[in-house]
Amino acid sequence: MNFITLKPRVSEKAYGLSEQHNTYVFDVDAKINKFEVAKAVTSQYEVSVTKVHLVNIPGKAQKSYRQRGRKSISGQRSDIRKAYVTLKDGDKLPIFAADEEDTKKPKEKK
């Protein structure tokens, strides 16, 4: 069985989804499907997956600029595929655990 790398997206939107809807966002390879993502999350984090939604985001064209006044250079950002994984009620992933621990501790006054 091939090992699928799941790279969690850490952003404000992903944090809000995890808190409100128990949905986590991962960057995945463009060739894998929903079933493989669900199986990978279940095996790596030992949680129950209820729904997986995949989104393909095309890469944007980067601005072109002149190199030494002669050449115009432009490029393209890479395409991204995101997986929105909804977990069963009661299951949590430790992706944002460090952020929550920092906010719970009282700050010392000097």
PDB file of N, CA and C in Angstrom:
ATOM      1  N   MET A   1       0.839  -1.182   0.000  1.00  0.00           N
ATOM      2  CA  MET A   1       0.000   0.000   0.000  1.00  0.00           C
ATOM      3  C   MET A   1       0.879   1.239   0.000  1.00  0.00           C
ATOM      4  N   ASN A   2       0.559   2.184  -0.845  1.00  0.00           N
ATOM      5  CA  ASN A   2       1.329   3.414  -0.924  1.00  0.00           C
ATOM      6  C   ASN A   2       0.987   4.324   0.242  1.00  0.00           C
ATOM      7  N   PHE A   3       2.003   5.006   0.741  1.00  0.00           N
ATOM      8  CA  PHE A   3       1.811   5.939   1.842  1.00  0.00           C
ATOM      9  C   PHE A   3       1.445   7.300   1.274  1.00  0.00           C
ATOM     10  N   ILE A   4       0.342   7.861   1.710  1.00  0.00           N
ATOM     11  CA  ILE A   4      -0.139   9.156   1.236  1.00  0.00           C
ATOM     12  C   ILE A   4       0.253  10.223   2.244  1.00  0.00           C
ATOM     13  N   THR A   5       0.912  11.274   1.763  1.00  0.00           N
ATOM     14  CA  THR A   5       1.300  12.353   2.656  1.00  0.00           C
ATOM     15  C   THR A   5       0.158  13.353   2.758  1.00  0.00           C
ATOM     16  N   LEU A   6      -0.218  13.651   3.970  1.00  0.00           N
ATOM     17  CA  LEU A   6      -1.262  14.625   4.256  1.00  0.00           C
ATOM     18  C   LEU A   6      -0.599  15.828   4.910  1.00  0.00           C
ATOM     19  N   LYS A   7      -0.634  16.959   4.226  1.00  0.00           N
ATOM     20  CA  LYS A   7      -0.042  18.176   4.776  1.00  0.00           C
ATOM     21  C   LYS A   7      -1.183  19.065   5.265  1.00  0.00           C
ATOM     22  N   PRO A   8      -1.329  19.244   6.581  1.00  0.00           N
ATOM     23  CA  PRO A   8      -2.432  20.072   7.078  1.00  0.00           C
ATOM     24  C   PRO A   8      -2.240  21.537   6.710  1.00  0.00           C
ATOM     25  N   ARG A   9      -3.320  22.195   6.324  1.00  0.00           N
ATOM     26  CA  ARG A   9      -3.283  23.638   6.053  1.00  0.00           C
ATOM     27  C   ARG A   9      -3.600  24.359   7.352  1.00  0.00           C
ATOM     28  N   VAL A  10      -2.660  25.157   7.802  1.00  0.00           N
ATOM     29  CA  VAL A  10      -2.830  25.902   9.048  1.00  0.00           C
ATOM     30  C   VAL A  10      -3.126  27.344   8.681  1.00  0.00           C
ATOM     31  N   SER A  11      -4.392  27.711   8.783  1.00  0.00           N
ATOM     32  CA  SER A  11      -4.819  29.070   8.464  1.00  0.00           C
ATOM     33  C   SER A  11      -6.000  29.419   9.374  1.00  0.00           C
ATOM     34  N   GLU A  12      -6.415  30.671   9.327  1.00  0.00           N
ATOM     35  CA  GLU A  12      -7.552  31.088  10.139  1.00  0.00           C
ATOM     36  C   GLU A  12      -8.837  30.394   9.695  1.00  0.00           C
ATOM     37  N   LYS A  13      -9.013  30.242   8.400  1.00  0.00           N
ATOM     38  CA  LYS A  13     -10.208  29.576   7.890  1.00  0.00           C
ATOM     39  C   LYS A  13     -10.231  28.102   8.309  1.00  0.00           C
ATOM     40  N   ALA A  14      -9.084  27.429   8.206  1.00  0.00           N
ATOM     41  CA  ALA A  14      -9.011  26.023   8.593  1.00  0.00           C
ATOM     42  C   ALA A  14      -9.246  25.859  10.091  1.00  0.00           C
ATOM     43  N   TYR A  15      -8.741  26.788  10.893  1.00  0.00           N
ATOM     44  CA  TYR A  15      -8.953  26.734  12.338  1.00  0.00           C
ATOM     45  C   TYR A  15     -10.437  26.918  12.670  1.00  0.00           C
ATOM     46  N   GLY A  16     -11.086  27.863  11.995  1.00  0.00           N
ATOM     47  CA  GLY A  16     -12.512  28.082  12.217  1.00  0.00           C
ATOM     48  C   GLY A  16     -13.348  26.878  11.829  1.00  0.00           C
ATOM     49  N   LEU A  17     -13.014  26.241  10.707  1.00  0.00           N
ATOM     50  CA  LEU A  17     -13.741  25.042  10.283  1.00  0.00           C
ATOM     51  C   LEU A  17     -13.561  23.899  11.282  1.00  0.00           C
ATOM     52  N   SER A  18     -12.359  23.777  11.827  1.00  0.00           N
ATOM     53  CA  SER A  18     -12.109  22.690  12.771  1.00  0.00           C
ATOM     54  C   SER A  18     -12.874  22.913  14.070  1.00  0.00           C
ATOM     55  N   GLU A  19     -13.016  24.164  14.485  1.00  0.00           N
ATOM     56  CA  GLU A  19     -13.725  24.458  15.725  1.00  0.00           C
ATOM     57  C   GLU A  19     -15.248  24.370  15.566  1.00  0.00           C
ATOM     58  N   GLN A  20     -15.777  24.892  14.456  1.00  0.00           N
ATOM     59  CA  GLN A  20     -17.230  24.970  14.290  1.00  0.00           C
ATOM     60  C   GLN A  20     -17.845  23.716  13.681  1.00  0.00           C
ATOM     61  N   HIS A  21     -17.192  23.151  12.670  1.00  0.00           N
ATOM     62  CA  HIS A  21     -17.815  22.057  11.917  1.00  0.00           C
ATOM     63  C   HIS A  21     -17.060  20.736  12.007  1.00  0.00           C
ATOM     64  N   ASN A  22     -15.989  20.685  12.824  1.00  0.00           N
ATOM     65  CA  ASN A  22     -15.170  19.480  12.960  1.00  0.00           C
ATOM     66  C   ASN A  22     -14.631  19.022  11.601  1.00  0.00           C
ATOM     67  N   THR A  23     -14.234  20.008  10.765  1.00  0.00           N
ATOM     68  CA  THR A  23     -13.704  19.746   9.434  1.00  0.00           C
ATOM     69  C   THR A  23     -12.259  20.221   9.376  1.00  0.00           C
ATOM     70  N   TYR A  24     -11.376  19.373   8.877  1.00  0.00           N
ATOM     71  CA  TYR A  24      -9.953  19.696   8.785  1.00  0.00           C
ATOM     72  C   TYR A  24      -9.545  19.760   7.326  1.00  0.00           C
ATOM     73  N   VAL A  25      -8.572  20.632   7.008  1.00  0.00           N
ATOM     74  CA  VAL A  25      -8.162  20.880   5.632  1.00  0.00           C
ATOM     75  C   VAL A  25      -6.736  20.365   5.435  1.00  0.00           C
ATOM     76  N   PHE A  26      -6.519  19.596   4.365  1.00  0.00           N
ATOM     77  CA  PHE A  26      -5.206  19.041   4.042  1.00  0.00           C
ATOM     78  C   PHE A  26      -4.859  19.351   2.592  1.00  0.00           C
ATOM     79  N   ASP A  27      -3.568  19.542   2.315  1.00  0.00           N
ATOM     80  CA  ASP A  27      -3.071  19.574   0.941  1.00  0.00           C
ATOM     81  C   ASP A  27      -2.741  18.140   0.558  1.00  0.00           C
ATOM     82  N   VAL A  28      -3.254  17.697  -0.574  1.00  0.00           N
ATOM     83  CA  VAL A  28      -3.030  16.321  -1.011  1.00  0.00           C
ATOM     84  C   VAL A  28      -2.527  16.322  -2.454  1.00  0.00           C
ATOM     85  N   ASP A  29      -2.054  15.159  -2.880  1.00  0.00           N
ATOM     86  CA  ASP A  29      -1.588  14.983  -4.250  1.00  0.00           C
ATOM     87  C   ASP A  29      -2.781  15.008  -5.205  1.00  0.00           C
ATOM     88  N   ALA A  30      -2.565  15.502  -6.414  1.00  0.00           N
ATOM     89  CA  ALA A  30      -3.654  15.661  -7.374  1.00  0.00           C
ATOM     90  C   ALA A  30      -4.180  14.332  -7.913  1.00  0.00           C
ATOM     91  N   LYS A  31      -3.458  13.248  -7.711  1.00  0.00           N
ATOM     92  CA  LYS A  31      -3.847  11.971  -8.304  1.00  0.00           C
ATOM     93  C   LYS A  31      -4.694  11.088  -7.393  1.00  0.00           C
ATOM     94  N   ILE A  32      -4.835  11.435  -6.116  1.00  0.00           N
ATOM     95  CA  ILE A  32      -5.570  10.555  -5.217  1.00  0.00           C
ATOM     96  C   ILE A  32      -7.033  10.978  -5.136  1.00  0.00           C
ATOM     97  N   ASN A  33      -7.887  10.044  -4.720  1.00  0.00           N
ATOM     98  CA  ASN A  33      -9.323  10.308  -4.668  1.00  0.00           C
ATOM     99  C   ASN A  33      -9.817  10.374  -3.224  1.00  0.00           C
ATOM    100  N   LYS A  34     -11.123  10.573  -3.049  1.00  0.00           N
ATOM    101  CA  LYS A  34     -11.724  10.747  -1.726  1.00  0.00           C
ATOM    102  C   LYS A  34     -11.528   9.526  -0.831  1.00  0.00           C
ATOM    103  N   PHE A  35     -11.659   8.342  -1.418  1.00  0.00           N
ATOM    104  CA  PHE A  35     -11.564   7.124  -0.630  1.00  0.00           C
ATOM    105  C   PHE A  35     -10.162   6.931  -0.072  1.00  0.00           C
ATOM    106  N   GLU A  36      -9.150   7.255  -0.881  1.00  0.00           N
ATOM    107  CA  GLU A  36      -7.768   7.138  -0.421  1.00  0.00           C
ATOM    108  C   GLU A  36      -7.459   8.162   0.663  1.00  0.00           C
ATOM    109  N   VAL A  37      -8.016   9.378   0.544  1.00  0.00           N
ATOM    110  CA  VAL A  37      -7.815  10.402   1.569  1.00  0.00           C
ATOM    111  C   VAL A  37      -8.453   9.952   2.877  1.00  0.00           C
ATOM    112  N   ALA A  38      -9.669   9.440   2.818  1.00  0.00           N
ATOM    113  CA  ALA A  38     -10.356   8.980   4.024  1.00  0.00           C
ATOM    114  C   ALA A  38      -9.590   7.839   4.690  1.00  0.00           C
ATOM    115  N   LYS A  39      -9.095   6.910   3.880  1.00  0.00           N
ATOM    116  CA  LYS A  39      -8.340   5.787   4.428  1.00  0.00           C
ATOM    117  C   LYS A  39      -7.035   6.253   5.071  1.00  0.00           C
ATOM    118  N   ALA A  40      -6.366   7.247   4.452  1.00  0.00           N
ATOM    119  CA  ALA A  40      -5.106   7.762   4.991  1.00  0.00           C
ATOM    120  C   ALA A  40      -5.329   8.499   6.312  1.00  0.00           C
ATOM    121  N   VAL A  41      -6.376   9.315   6.399  1.00  0.00           N
ATOM    122  CA  VAL A  41      -6.665  10.040   7.647  1.00  0.00           C
ATOM    123  C   VAL A  41      -7.031   9.062   8.747  1.00  0.00           C
ATOM    124  N   THR A  42      -7.813   8.052   8.421  1.00  0.00           N
ATOM    125  CA  THR A  42      -8.217   7.061   9.412  1.00  0.00           C
ATOM    126  C   THR A  42      -7.016   6.284   9.936  1.00  0.00           C
ATOM    127  N   SER A  43      -6.111   5.898   9.059  1.00  0.00           N
ATOM    128  CA  SER A  43      -4.966   5.095   9.497  1.00  0.00           C
ATOM    129  C   SER A  43      -3.910   5.934  10.216  1.00  0.00           C
ATOM    130  N   GLN A  44      -3.693   7.177   9.795  1.00  0.00           N
ATOM    131  CA  GLN A  44      -2.637   7.990  10.399  1.00  0.00           C
ATOM    132  C   GLN A  44      -3.058   8.609  11.726  1.00  0.00           C
ATOM    133  N   TYR A  45      -4.312   9.027  11.852  1.00  0.00           N
ATOM    134  CA  TYR A  45      -4.763   9.716  13.055  1.00  0.00           C
ATOM    135  C   TYR A  45      -5.719   8.895  13.923  1.00  0.00           C
ATOM    136  N   GLU A  46      -6.143   7.717  13.458  1.00  0.00           N
ATOM    137  CA  GLU A  46      -7.034   6.820  14.196  1.00  0.00           C
ATOM    138  C   GLU A  46      -8.335   7.516  14.607  1.00  0.00           C
ATOM    139  N   VAL A  47      -9.014   8.108  13.613  1.00  0.00           N
ATOM    140  CA  VAL A  47     -10.303   8.765  13.812  1.00  0.00           C
ATOM    141  C   VAL A  47     -11.279   8.231  12.773  1.00  0.00           C
ATOM    142  N   SER A  48     -12.566   8.545  12.930  1.00  0.00           N
ATOM    143  CA  SER A  48     -13.590   8.119  11.974  1.00  0.00           C
ATOM    144  C   SER A  48     -13.941   9.286  11.050  1.00  0.00           C
ATOM    145  N   VAL A  49     -13.845   9.063   9.756  1.00  0.00           N
ATOM    146  CA  VAL A  49     -14.136  10.088   8.748  1.00  0.00           C
ATOM    147  C   VAL A  49     -15.564   9.895   8.251  1.00  0.00           C
ATOM    148  N   THR A  50     -16.354  10.991   8.231  1.00  0.00           N
ATOM    149  CA  THR A  50     -17.723  10.898   7.728  1.00  0.00           C
ATOM    150  C   THR A  50     -17.856  11.436   6.316  1.00  0.00           C
ATOM    151  N   LYS A  51     -17.050  12.460   5.949  1.00  0.00           N
ATOM    152  CA  LYS A  51     -17.195  13.053   4.627  1.00  0.00           C
ATOM    153  C   LYS A  51     -15.859  13.632   4.175  1.00  0.00           C
ATOM    154  N   VAL A  52     -15.584  13.543   2.866  1.00  0.00           N
ATOM    155  CA  VAL A  52     -14.390  14.135   2.262  1.00  0.00           C
ATOM    156  C   VAL A  52     -14.816  14.925   1.040  1.00  0.00           C
ATOM    157  N   HIS A  53     -14.364  16.162   0.962  1.00  0.00           N
ATOM    158  CA  HIS A  53     -14.666  17.028  -0.176  1.00  0.00           C
ATOM    159  C   HIS A  53     -13.338  17.503  -0.758  1.00  0.00           C
ATOM    160  N   LEU A  54     -13.118  17.268  -2.075  1.00  0.00           N
ATOM    161  CA  LEU A  54     -11.873  17.659  -2.729  1.00  0.00           C
ATOM    162  C   LEU A  54     -12.079  18.896  -3.586  1.00  0.00           C
ATOM    163  N   VAL A  55     -11.086  19.812  -3.558  1.00  0.00           N
ATOM    164  CA  VAL A  55     -11.149  21.047  -4.324  1.00  0.00           C
ATOM    165  C   VAL A  55      -9.843  21.219  -5.078  1.00  0.00           C
ATOM    166  N   ASN A  56      -9.933  21.418  -6.392  1.00  0.00           N
ATOM    167  CA  ASN A  56      -8.761  21.712  -7.208  1.00  0.00           C
ATOM    168  C   ASN A  56      -8.643  23.217  -7.390  1.00  0.00           C
ATOM    169  N   ILE A  57      -7.472  23.769  -7.068  1.00  0.00           N
ATOM    170  CA  ILE A  57      -7.235  25.200  -7.217  1.00  0.00           C
ATOM    171  C   ILE A  57      -6.131  25.389  -8.248  1.00  0.00           C
ATOM    172  N   PRO A  58      -6.451  26.005  -9.393  1.00  0.00           N
ATOM    173  CA  PRO A  58      -5.419  26.213 -10.404  1.00  0.00           C
ATOM    174  C   PRO A  58      -4.418  27.264  -9.965  1.00  0.00           C
ATOM    175  N   GLY A  59      -3.166  27.087 -10.376  1.00  0.00           N
ATOM    176  CA  GLY A  59      -2.116  28.035 -10.020  1.00  0.00           C
ATOM    177  C   GLY A  59      -2.279  29.349 -10.765  1.00  0.00           C
ATOM    178  N   LYS A  60      -1.972  30.439 -10.072  1.00  0.00           N
ATOM    179  CA  LYS A  60      -2.108  31.758 -10.675  1.00  0.00           C
ATOM    180  C   LYS A  60      -0.851  32.113 -11.450  1.00  0.00           C
ATOM    181  N   ALA A  61      -1.024  32.950 -12.447  1.00  0.00           N
ATOM    182  CA  ALA A  61       0.124  33.452 -13.198  1.00  0.00           C
ATOM    183  C   ALA A  61       0.826  34.512 -12.360  1.00  0.00           C
ATOM    184  N   GLN A  62       2.147  34.405 -12.260  1.00  0.00           N
ATOM    185  CA  GLN A  62       2.907  35.380 -11.506  1.00  0.00           C
ATOM    186  C   GLN A  62       3.198  36.580 -12.375  1.00  0.00           C
ATOM    187  N   LYS A  63       3.467  37.699 -11.738  1.00  0.00           N
ATOM    188  CA  LYS A  63       3.761  38.922 -12.474  1.00  0.00           C
ATOM    189  C   LYS A  63       5.064  38.778 -13.239  1.00  0.00           C
ATOM    190  N   SER A  64       5.079  39.346 -14.408  1.00  0.00           N
ATOM    191  CA  SER A  64       6.303  39.321 -15.196  1.00  0.00           C
ATOM    192  C   SER A  64       7.125  40.566 -14.881  1.00  0.00           C
ATOM    193  N   TYR A  65       8.416  40.466 -15.055  1.00  0.00           N
ATOM    194  CA  TYR A  65       9.302  41.600 -14.814  1.00  0.00           C
ATOM    195  C   TYR A  65      10.448  41.538 -15.807  1.00  0.00           C
ATOM    196  N   ARG A  66      11.151  42.610 -15.922  1.00  0.00           N
ATOM    197  CA  ARG A  66      12.269  42.687 -16.869  1.00  0.00           C
ATOM    198  C   ARG A  66      13.567  42.340 -16.173  1.00  0.00           C
ATOM    199  N   GLN A  67      14.350  41.546 -16.854  1.00  0.00           N
ATOM    200  CA  GLN A  67      15.655  41.169 -16.340  1.00  0.00           C
ATOM    201  C   GLN A  67      16.712  41.924 -17.136  1.00  0.00           C
ATOM    202  N   ARG A  68      17.369  42.853 -16.484  1.00  0.00           N
ATOM    203  CA  ARG A  68      18.400  43.699 -17.103  1.00  0.00           C
ATOM    204  C   ARG A  68      17.860  44.492 -18.286  1.00  0.00           C
ATOM    205  N   GLY A  69      16.572  44.800 -18.246  1.00  0.00           N
ATOM    206  CA  GLY A  69      15.988  45.645 -19.270  1.00  0.00           C
ATOM    207  C   GLY A  69      15.742  44.990 -20.607  1.00  0.00           C
ATOM    208  N   ARG A  70      16.003  43.711 -20.767  1.00  0.00           N
ATOM    209  CA  ARG A  70      15.849  43.062 -22.074  1.00  0.00           C
ATOM    210  C   ARG A  70      14.785  41.976 -22.096  1.00  0.00           C
ATOM    211  N   LYS A  71      14.780  41.127 -21.095  1.00  0.00           N
ATOM    212  CA  LYS A  71      13.916  39.951 -21.119  1.00  0.00           C
ATOM    213  C   LYS A  71      12.720  40.128 -20.202  1.00  0.00           C
ATOM    214  N   SER A  72      11.583  39.683 -20.661  1.00  0.00           N
ATOM    215  CA  SER A  72      10.390  39.650 -19.828  1.00  0.00           C
ATOM    216  C   SER A  72      10.244  38.225 -19.301  1.00  0.00           C
ATOM    217  N   ILE A  73      10.132  38.095 -17.980  1.00  0.00           N
ATOM    218  CA  ILE A  73      10.049  36.778 -17.363  1.00  0.00           C
ATOM    219  C   ILE A  73       8.705  36.667 -16.657  1.00  0.00           C
ATOM    220  N   SER A  74       7.994  35.589 -16.914  1.00  0.00           N
ATOM    221  CA  SER A  74       6.745  35.326 -16.215  1.00  0.00           C
ATOM    222  C   SER A  74       6.727  33.864 -15.795  1.00  0.00           C
ATOM    223  N   GLY A  75       5.863  33.552 -14.858  1.00  0.00           N
ATOM    224  CA  GLY A  75       5.812  32.185 -14.360  1.00  0.00           C
ATOM    225  C   GLY A  75       4.410  31.799 -13.956  1.00  0.00           C
ATOM    226  N   GLN A  76       4.286  30.605 -13.429  1.00  0.00           N
ATOM    227  CA  GLN A  76       3.007  30.053 -13.025  1.00  0.00           C
ATOM    228  C   GLN A  76       3.193  29.368 -11.684  1.00  0.00           C
ATOM    229  N   ARG A  77       2.294  29.643 -10.736  1.00  0.00           N
ATOM    230  CA  ARG A  77       2.321  28.943  -9.465  1.00  0.00           C
ATOM    231  C   ARG A  77       1.786  27.524  -9.652  1.00  0.00           C
ATOM    232  N   SER A  78       2.144  26.649  -8.756  1.00  0.00           N
ATOM    233  CA  SER A  78       1.716  25.258  -8.838  1.00  0.00           C
ATOM    234  C   SER A  78       0.229  25.125  -8.524  1.00  0.00           C
ATOM    235  N   ASP A  79      -0.401  24.129  -9.132  1.00  0.00           N
ATOM    236  CA  ASP A  79      -1.788  23.816  -8.826  1.00  0.00           C
ATOM    237  C   ASP A  79      -1.849  23.151  -7.443  1.00  0.00           C
ATOM    238  N   ILE A  80      -2.946  23.369  -6.734  1.00  0.00           N
ATOM    239  CA  ILE A  80      -3.107  22.830  -5.386  1.00  0.00           C
ATOM    240  C   ILE A  80      -4.411  22.035  -5.336  1.00  0.00           C
ATOM    241  N   ARG A  81      -4.396  20.932  -4.605  1.00  0.00           N
ATOM    242  CA  ARG A  81      -5.620  20.171  -4.354  1.00  0.00           C
ATOM    243  C   ARG A  81      -5.810  20.090  -2.846  1.00  0.00           C
ATOM    244  N   LYS A  82      -6.957  20.586  -2.386  1.00  0.00           N
ATOM    245  CA  LYS A  82      -7.258  20.582  -0.962  1.00  0.00           C
ATOM    246  C   LYS A  82      -8.325  19.548  -0.667  1.00  0.00           C
ATOM    247  N   ALA A  83      -8.186  18.912   0.487  1.00  0.00           N
ATOM    248  CA  ALA A  83      -9.177  17.941   0.947  1.00  0.00           C
ATOM    249  C   ALA A  83      -9.784  18.457   2.240  1.00  0.00           C
ATOM    250  N   TYR A  84     -11.105  18.646   2.228  1.00  0.00           N
ATOM    251  CA  TYR A  84     -11.847  19.017   3.431  1.00  0.00           C
ATOM    252  C   TYR A  84     -12.388  17.722   4.036  1.00  0.00           C
ATOM    253  N   VAL A  85     -11.870  17.344   5.205  1.00  0.00           N
ATOM    254  CA  VAL A  85     -12.204  16.076   5.832  1.00  0.00           C
ATOM    255  C   VAL A  85     -13.054  16.351   7.074  1.00  0.00           C
ATOM    256  N   THR A  86     -14.286  15.850   7.077  1.00  0.00           N
ATOM    257  CA  THR A  86     -15.179  15.998   8.220  1.00  0.00           C
ATOM    258  C   THR A  86     -15.116  14.732   9.060  1.00  0.00           C
ATOM    259  N   LEU A  87     -14.920  14.921  10.364  1.00  0.00           N
ATOM    260  CA  LEU A  87     -14.798  13.790  11.275  1.00  0.00           C
ATOM    261  C   LEU A  87     -16.098  13.559  12.031  1.00  0.00           C
ATOM    262  N   LYS A  88     -16.209  12.358  12.602  1.00  0.00           N
ATOM    263  CA  LYS A  88     -17.361  11.999  13.424  1.00  0.00           C
ATOM    264  C   LYS A  88     -17.360  12.866  14.685  1.00  0.00           C
ATOM    265  N   ASP A  89     -18.547  13.177  15.202  1.00  0.00           N
ATOM    266  CA  ASP A  89     -18.646  13.983  16.422  1.00  0.00           C
ATOM    267  C   ASP A  89     -17.869  13.324  17.557  1.00  0.00           C
ATOM    268  N   GLY A  90     -17.067  14.127  18.246  1.00  0.00           N
ATOM    269  CA  GLY A  90     -16.261  13.622  19.347  1.00  0.00           C
ATOM    270  C   GLY A  90     -14.816  13.370  18.966  1.00  0.00           C
ATOM    271  N   ASP A  91     -14.523  13.197  17.679  1.00  0.00           N
ATOM    272  CA  ASP A  91     -13.144  12.991  17.229  1.00  0.00           C
ATOM    273  C   ASP A  91     -12.478  14.331  16.976  1.00  0.00           C
ATOM    274  N   LYS A  92     -11.214  14.440  17.345  1.00  0.00           N
ATOM    275  CA  LYS A  92     -10.425  15.655  17.132  1.00  0.00           C
ATOM    276  C   LYS A  92      -9.047  15.264  16.624  1.00  0.00           C
ATOM    277  N   LEU A  93      -8.412  16.174  15.886  1.00  0.00           N
ATOM    278  CA  LEU A  93      -7.031  15.999  15.451  1.00  0.00           C
ATOM    279  C   LEU A  93      -6.150  16.983  16.209  1.00  0.00           C
ATOM    280  N   PRO A  94      -4.909  16.603  16.513  1.00  0.00           N
ATOM    281  CA  PRO A  94      -4.029  17.476  17.293  1.00  0.00           C
ATOM    282  C   PRO A  94      -3.288  18.520  16.448  1.00  0.00           C
ATOM    283  N   ILE A  95      -3.901  19.012  15.387  1.00  0.00           N
ATOM    284  CA  ILE A  95      -3.214  19.966  14.504  1.00  0.00           C
ATOM    285  C   ILE A  95      -3.084  21.328  15.169  1.00  0.00           C
ATOM    286  N   PHE A  96      -4.158  21.820  15.777  1.00  0.00           N
ATOM    287  CA  PHE A  96      -4.158  23.141  16.394  1.00  0.00           C
ATOM    288  C   PHE A  96      -3.991  23.056  17.910  1.00  0.00           C
ATOM    289  N   ALA A  97      -3.529  21.940  18.437  1.00  0.00           N
ATOM    290  CA  ALA A  97      -3.438  21.744  19.882  1.00  0.00           C
ATOM    291  C   ALA A  97      -2.440  22.702  20.524  1.00  0.00           C
ATOM    292  N   ALA A  98      -1.316  22.977  19.886  1.00  0.00           N
ATOM    293  CA  ALA A  98      -0.301  23.865  20.461  1.00  0.00           C
ATOM    294  C   ALA A  98      -0.828  25.293  20.563  1.00  0.00           C
ATOM    295  N   ASP A  99      -1.614  25.739  19.588  1.00  0.00           N
ATOM    296  CA  ASP A  99      -2.176  27.082  19.631  1.00  0.00           C
ATOM    297  C   ASP A  99      -3.184  27.225  20.767  1.00  0.00           C
ATOM    298  N   GLU A 100      -3.992  26.208  21.002  1.00  0.00           N
ATOM    299  CA  GLU A 100      -4.994  26.265  22.051  1.00  0.00           C
ATOM    300  C   GLU A 100      -4.351  26.267  23.429  1.00  0.00           C
ATOM    301  N   GLU A 101      -3.251  25.530  23.610  1.00  0.00           N
ATOM    302  CA  GLU A 101      -2.572  25.501  24.896  1.00  0.00           C
ATOM    303  C   GLU A 101      -1.963  26.859  25.223  1.00  0.00           C
ATOM    304  N   ASP A 102      -1.438  27.565  24.228  1.00  0.00           N
ATOM    305  CA  ASP A 102      -0.849  28.879  24.450  1.00  0.00           C
ATOM    306  C   ASP A 102      -1.894  29.899  24.878  1.00  0.00           C
ATOM    307  N   THR A 103      -3.098  29.809  24.329  1.00  0.00           N
ATOM    308  CA  THR A 103      -4.133  30.781  24.667  1.00  0.00           C
ATOM    309  C   THR A 103      -4.745  30.514  26.037  1.00  0.00           C
ATOM    310  N   LYS A 104      -4.690  29.278  26.527  1.00  0.00           N
ATOM    311  CA  LYS A 104      -5.282  28.949  27.813  1.00  0.00           C
ATOM    312  C   LYS A 104      -4.397  29.372  28.994  1.00  0.00           C
ATOM    313  N   LYS A 105      -3.083  29.458  28.788  1.00  0.00           N
ATOM    314  CA  LYS A 105      -2.180  29.811  29.864  1.00  0.00           C
ATOM    315  C   LYS A 105      -2.278  31.311  30.166  1.00  0.00           C
ATOM    316  N   PRO A 106      -2.345  31.702  31.436  1.00  0.00           N
ATOM    317  CA  PRO A 106      -2.361  33.135  31.748  1.00  0.00           C
ATOM    318  C   PRO A 106      -0.980  33.736  31.522  1.00  0.00           C
ATOM    319  N   LYS A 107      -0.985  34.953  31.043  1.00  0.00           N
ATOM    320  CA  LYS A 107       0.278  35.636  30.778  1.00  0.00           C
ATOM    321  C   LYS A 107       0.775  36.307  32.045  1.00  0.00           C
ATOM    322  N   GLU A 108       2.088  36.248  32.241  1.00  0.00           N
ATOM    323  CA  GLU A 108       2.703  36.832  33.419  1.00  0.00           C
ATOM    324  C   GLU A 108       2.923  38.331  33.209  1.00  0.00           C
ATOM    325  N   LYS A 109       2.685  39.096  34.271  1.00  0.00           N
ATOM    326  CA  LYS A 109       2.937  40.546  34.203  1.00  0.00           C
ATOM    327  C   LYS A 109       4.297  40.825  34.789  1.00  0.00           C
ATOM    328  N   LYS A 110       5.012  41.715  34.149  1.00  0.00           N
ATOM    329  CA  LYS A 110       6.352  42.079  34.639  1.00  0.00           C
ATOM    330  C   LYS A 110       6.383  43.488  35.148  1.00  0.00           C
TER     331      LYS A 110
END
